[in-house]
Amino acid sequence: MRSKLKSSSTVRRVLIVEDHPVFREGLVRMVGTEKDLEICGEAGDYEIGLKNIQQFRPDIALVDLELPGKSGLDLIKKIRSLKLPVKLLVVSMYDEALYADRVLRAGGDGYIMKEESPEEIIHAIRDVLDGHIYLSEEVLASQTKAPSKPAKSEENLLDQLSDLELNVLELLGRGQNNDEIAEKLGLKVKEISDHSEEIRKKLKLKTDNALIRYAVCWVETGVV
């Protein structure tokens, strides 16, 4: 753990849960330059993240969705089930339009893409700390619109997937096979095969190849 203590009584404590060391180091450096923020802890996976949040009691945790073993969504749900008084901001490479609603339903306080500028990430941190829900303007606008095809749209088909199934679909679309996905998620290969089969049925796809094409198209374009 690295922490640079600052003198102001208004300094708020930030903990980072991110499995990519380079990006985590970037967040540490970025937050460390702000006079009103300080890093109180870091973690690279679910277990250490949960332990550190319980131990260090940060004001806010920055959480990646893709973590070894259990996901960032699992971490958010666990933290909320324990009623820990910490704000939770997801900082992720995953498409906000696809995951933001799930994050909010799980108990998250905001969602920002890793591709955003450092200034915008700092703005999102402060916004959430001030009690607001942080989402991009595009996602906020889409949430205010009534769905035009409530029964048959692809979005509603995706809504049928569990958080784990959506994660498996994402990894399939990024070219990972069942062995690689199983290792990343800490599951057995047979479990991944079973999840893939359930995903295929829910998305009304006839073959495994159709599922792969669907996943790749969804990840690359956001549409199917």
Protein backbone atom coordinates (compact mmCIF):
# COMPACT_ATOMS: atom_id res chain seq x y z
CA MET A 1 0.00 0.00 0.00
CA ARG A 2 1.18 3.47 -0.86
CA SER A 3 -0.31 6.51 0.79
CA LYS A 4 0.90 10.08 0.85
CA LEU A 5 -0.69 11.73 3.87
CA LYS A 6 -2.00 15.22 3.30
CA SER A 7 -2.66 17.83 5.93
CA SER A 8 -6.16 19.00 5.02
CA SER A 9 -9.00 17.55 7.08
CA THR A 10 -11.14 17.51 3.91
CA VAL A 11 -8.91 15.02 2.12
CA ARG A 12 -10.93 11.98 1.00
CA ARG A 13 -9.54 8.50 0.81
CA VAL A 14 -9.49 6.48 -2.43
CA LEU A 15 -8.90 2.75 -2.83
CA ILE A 16 -8.25 1.18 -6.24
CA VAL A 17 -9.29 -2.34 -7.28
CA GLU A 18 -7.72 -2.95 -10.70
CA ASP A 19 -5.95 -6.07 -11.98
CA HIS A 20 -3.78 -4.36 -14.62
CA PRO A 21 -0.67 -3.08 -12.79
CA VAL A 22 0.16 -0.39 -15.35
CA PHE A 23 -3.31 1.14 -15.33
CA ARG A 24 -3.52 0.83 -11.54
CA GLU A 25 -0.20 2.68 -11.23
CA GLY A 26 -1.56 5.37 -13.53
CA LEU A 27 -4.61 5.84 -11.32
CA VAL A 28 -2.41 5.99 -8.23
CA ARG A 29 -0.26 8.72 -9.74
CA MET A 30 -3.25 10.62 -11.10
CA VAL A 31 -5.15 10.66 -7.81
CA GLY A 32 -1.96 11.39 -5.88
CA THR A 33 -1.57 14.78 -7.57
CA GLU A 34 -4.92 16.01 -6.24
CA LYS A 35 -4.78 17.95 -2.96
CA ASP A 36 -8.21 16.78 -1.81
CA LEU A 37 -7.68 13.07 -2.57
CA GLU A 38 -5.26 10.41 -1.34
CA ILE A 39 -4.71 6.72 -2.03
CA CYS A 40 -5.31 4.57 1.05
CA GLY A 41 -4.97 1.16 -0.59
CA GLU A 42 -4.74 -0.93 -3.75
CA ALA A 43 -5.82 -4.39 -4.87
CA GLY A 44 -5.59 -6.54 -7.97
CA ASP A 45 -8.47 -8.94 -7.36
CA TYR A 46 -11.82 -9.47 -5.62
CA GLU A 47 -10.53 -11.05 -2.41
CA ILE A 48 -7.84 -8.47 -1.63
CA GLY A 49 -10.14 -5.67 -2.76
CA LEU A 50 -12.85 -6.71 -0.32
CA LYS A 51 -10.32 -7.21 2.49
CA ASN A 52 -8.73 -3.80 1.92
CA ILE A 53 -12.06 -1.98 1.71
CA GLN A 54 -13.08 -3.53 5.02
CA GLN A 55 -9.72 -2.68 6.60
CA PHE A 56 -9.00 0.80 5.27
CA ARG A 57 -12.60 2.11 5.01
CA PRO A 58 -12.06 4.42 2.01
CA ASP A 59 -14.51 7.15 1.07
CA ILE A 60 -14.58 5.78 -2.47
CA ALA A 61 -13.33 2.68 -4.28
CA LEU A 62 -12.52 2.65 -7.99
CA VAL A 63 -13.46 -0.81 -9.26
CA ASP A 64 -12.66 -2.55 -12.54
CA LEU A 65 -15.28 -4.99 -13.83
CA GLU A 66 -12.80 -7.58 -15.09
CA LEU A 67 -11.00 -9.06 -12.10
CA PRO A 68 -9.41 -12.49 -11.64
CA GLY A 69 -11.94 -14.93 -10.21
CA LYS A 70 -15.02 -13.02 -9.09
CA SER A 71 -15.86 -9.87 -11.06
CA GLY A 72 -16.14 -6.23 -10.09
CA LEU A 73 -19.93 -6.63 -10.14
CA ASP A 74 -19.61 -9.43 -7.59
CA LEU A 75 -17.46 -7.15 -5.44
CA ILE A 76 -20.00 -4.33 -5.58
CA LYS A 77 -22.83 -6.69 -4.58
CA LYS A 78 -20.80 -8.07 -1.69
CA ILE A 79 -19.87 -4.62 -0.40
CA ARG A 80 -23.52 -3.54 -0.50
CA SER A 81 -24.64 -6.73 1.25
CA LEU A 82 -22.19 -5.89 4.05
CA LYS A 83 -23.57 -2.33 4.18
CA LEU A 84 -20.09 -0.82 4.02
CA PRO A 85 -20.31 3.00 3.75
CA VAL A 86 -18.15 3.42 0.65
CA LYS A 87 -18.91 5.04 -2.68
CA LEU A 88 -18.25 2.75 -5.66
CA LEU A 89 -17.18 4.05 -9.07
CA VAL A 90 -16.56 1.56 -11.87
CA VAL A 91 -13.63 2.45 -14.16
CA SER A 92 -13.77 -0.05 -17.00
CA MET A 93 -12.87 -0.80 -20.60
CA TYR A 94 -16.29 -2.43 -21.08
CA ASP A 95 -18.93 -0.49 -22.99
CA GLU A 96 -20.81 1.73 -20.55
CA ALA A 97 -24.05 1.43 -22.50
CA LEU A 98 -24.03 -2.34 -21.90
CA TYR A 99 -22.93 -2.45 -18.27
CA ALA A 100 -23.89 0.81 -16.54
CA ASP A 101 -27.43 -0.26 -15.70
CA ARG A 102 -26.19 -3.53 -14.17
CA VAL A 103 -23.62 -1.63 -12.11
CA LEU A 104 -26.28 0.72 -10.74
CA ARG A 105 -28.64 -2.16 -9.97
CA ALA A 106 -25.81 -3.91 -8.10
CA GLY A 107 -25.30 -0.83 -5.94
CA GLY A 108 -22.62 1.12 -7.80
CA ASP A 109 -22.57 4.92 -7.76
CA GLY A 110 -21.19 5.57 -11.21
CA TYR A 111 -19.48 4.30 -14.34
CA ILE A 112 -16.70 5.79 -16.44
CA MET A 113 -14.72 4.34 -19.32
CA LYS A 114 -10.95 3.94 -19.01
CA GLU A 115 -10.54 5.81 -22.29
CA GLU A 116 -11.79 9.05 -20.72
CA SER A 117 -9.29 11.79 -19.92
CA PRO A 118 -7.62 11.95 -16.49
CA GLU A 119 -9.47 15.21 -15.85
CA GLU A 120 -12.83 13.55 -16.48
CA ILE A 121 -11.99 10.58 -14.25
CA ILE A 122 -11.07 12.96 -11.41
CA HIS A 123 -14.32 14.85 -12.07
CA ALA A 124 -16.25 11.56 -11.85
CA ILE A 125 -14.57 10.70 -8.53
CA ARG A 126 -15.50 14.06 -7.01
CA ASP A 127 -19.03 13.88 -8.45
CA VAL A 128 -19.66 10.50 -6.82
CA LEU A 129 -18.08 11.63 -3.54
CA ASP A 130 -20.49 14.58 -3.53
CA GLY A 131 -23.42 12.17 -3.60
CA HIS A 132 -24.24 12.11 -7.31
CA ILE A 133 -24.59 9.22 -9.74
CA TYR A 134 -21.97 9.60 -12.47
CA LEU A 135 -22.75 8.40 -16.00
CA SER A 136 -21.88 9.78 -19.42
CA GLU A 137 -24.37 12.19 -21.00
CA GLU A 138 -25.13 9.63 -23.73
CA VAL A 139 -26.11 6.92 -21.25
CA LEU A 140 -28.09 9.34 -19.09
CA ALA A 141 -30.01 10.46 -22.19
CA SER A 142 -30.72 6.87 -23.25
CA GLN A 143 -32.09 6.03 -19.80
CA THR A 144 -34.72 8.75 -20.11
CA LYS A 145 -36.08 7.38 -23.39
CA ALA A 146 -38.86 4.83 -23.49
CA PRO A 147 -37.85 1.65 -25.36
CA SER A 148 -39.36 1.50 -28.85
CA LYS A 149 -39.35 -2.31 -29.09
CA PRO A 150 -39.93 -3.61 -25.57
CA ALA A 151 -40.56 -7.27 -26.39
CA LYS A 152 -38.16 -8.36 -29.13
CA SER A 153 -35.17 -6.01 -29.13
CA GLU A 154 -31.63 -7.38 -28.93
CA GLU A 155 -31.10 -5.26 -25.84
CA ASN A 156 -33.89 -7.12 -24.07
CA LEU A 157 -32.42 -10.45 -25.12
CA LEU A 158 -29.13 -9.40 -23.53
CA ASP A 159 -31.01 -8.34 -20.42
CA GLN A 160 -31.99 -11.98 -19.94
CA LEU A 161 -28.34 -12.90 -19.37
CA SER A 162 -26.98 -13.07 -15.84
CA ASP A 163 -23.97 -10.93 -14.95
CA LEU A 164 -21.73 -13.97 -15.27
CA GLU A 165 -23.22 -14.94 -18.64
CA LEU A 166 -22.71 -11.40 -19.94
CA ASN A 167 -19.09 -11.57 -18.79
CA VAL A 168 -18.62 -14.90 -20.62
CA LEU A 169 -20.17 -13.41 -23.77
CA GLU A 170 -17.80 -10.44 -23.54
CA LEU A 171 -14.75 -12.70 -23.24
CA LEU A 172 -15.92 -14.90 -26.12
CA GLY A 173 -16.20 -11.77 -28.21
CA ARG A 174 -12.63 -10.84 -27.33
CA GLY A 175 -11.40 -14.10 -28.83
CA GLN A 176 -10.88 -16.14 -25.67
CA ASN A 177 -11.67 -19.85 -25.68
CA ASN A 178 -13.35 -21.84 -22.92
CA ASP A 179 -10.04 -22.81 -21.29
CA GLU A 180 -8.89 -19.18 -21.13
CA ILE A 181 -12.25 -17.95 -19.85
CA ALA A 182 -12.35 -20.66 -17.19
CA GLU A 183 -8.89 -19.69 -15.95
CA LYS A 184 -9.75 -15.98 -15.89
CA LEU A 185 -13.03 -16.48 -14.03
CA GLY A 186 -11.80 -19.22 -11.71
CA LEU A 187 -14.32 -21.76 -13.02
CA LYS A 188 -14.16 -25.20 -14.58
CA VAL A 189 -14.12 -25.54 -18.37
CA LYS A 190 -17.34 -27.59 -18.19
CA GLU A 191 -19.03 -24.71 -16.34
CA ILE A 192 -18.03 -22.28 -19.09
CA SER A 193 -19.38 -24.69 -21.73
CA ASP A 194 -22.66 -24.90 -19.84
CA HIS A 195 -22.88 -21.12 -19.53
CA SER A 196 -22.15 -20.72 -23.25
CA GLU A 197 -24.93 -23.15 -24.08
CA GLU A 198 -27.37 -21.24 -21.87
CA ILE A 199 -26.32 -17.96 -23.49
CA ARG A 200 -26.87 -19.43 -26.95
CA LYS A 201 -30.39 -20.52 -26.00
CA LYS A 202 -31.31 -17.17 -24.43
CA LEU A 203 -30.08 -15.29 -27.52
CA LYS A 204 -32.00 -17.70 -29.78
CA LEU A 205 -28.87 -18.72 -31.71
CA LYS A 206 -28.75 -22.12 -33.40
CA THR A 207 -25.05 -23.01 -33.33
CA ASP A 208 -21.87 -22.37 -31.34
CA ASN A 209 -20.38 -20.62 -34.38
CA ALA A 210 -23.38 -18.29 -34.47
CA LEU A 211 -22.77 -17.49 -30.81
CA ILE A 212 -19.12 -16.64 -31.50
CA ARG A 213 -20.06 -14.40 -34.44
CA TYR A 214 -22.69 -12.69 -32.30
CA ALA A 215 -20.19 -12.14 -29.45
CA VAL A 216 -17.50 -10.72 -31.72
CA CYS A 217 -19.93 -8.39 -33.48
CA TRP A 218 -21.37 -7.22 -30.15
CA VAL A 219 -17.95 -6.50 -28.64
CA GLU A 220 -16.57 -4.75 -31.73
CA THR A 221 -19.59 -2.67 -32.71
CA GLY A 222 -22.02 -2.70 -29.80
CA VAL A 223 -24.76 -3.90 -32.13
CA VAL A 224 -25.79 -7.33 -33.44
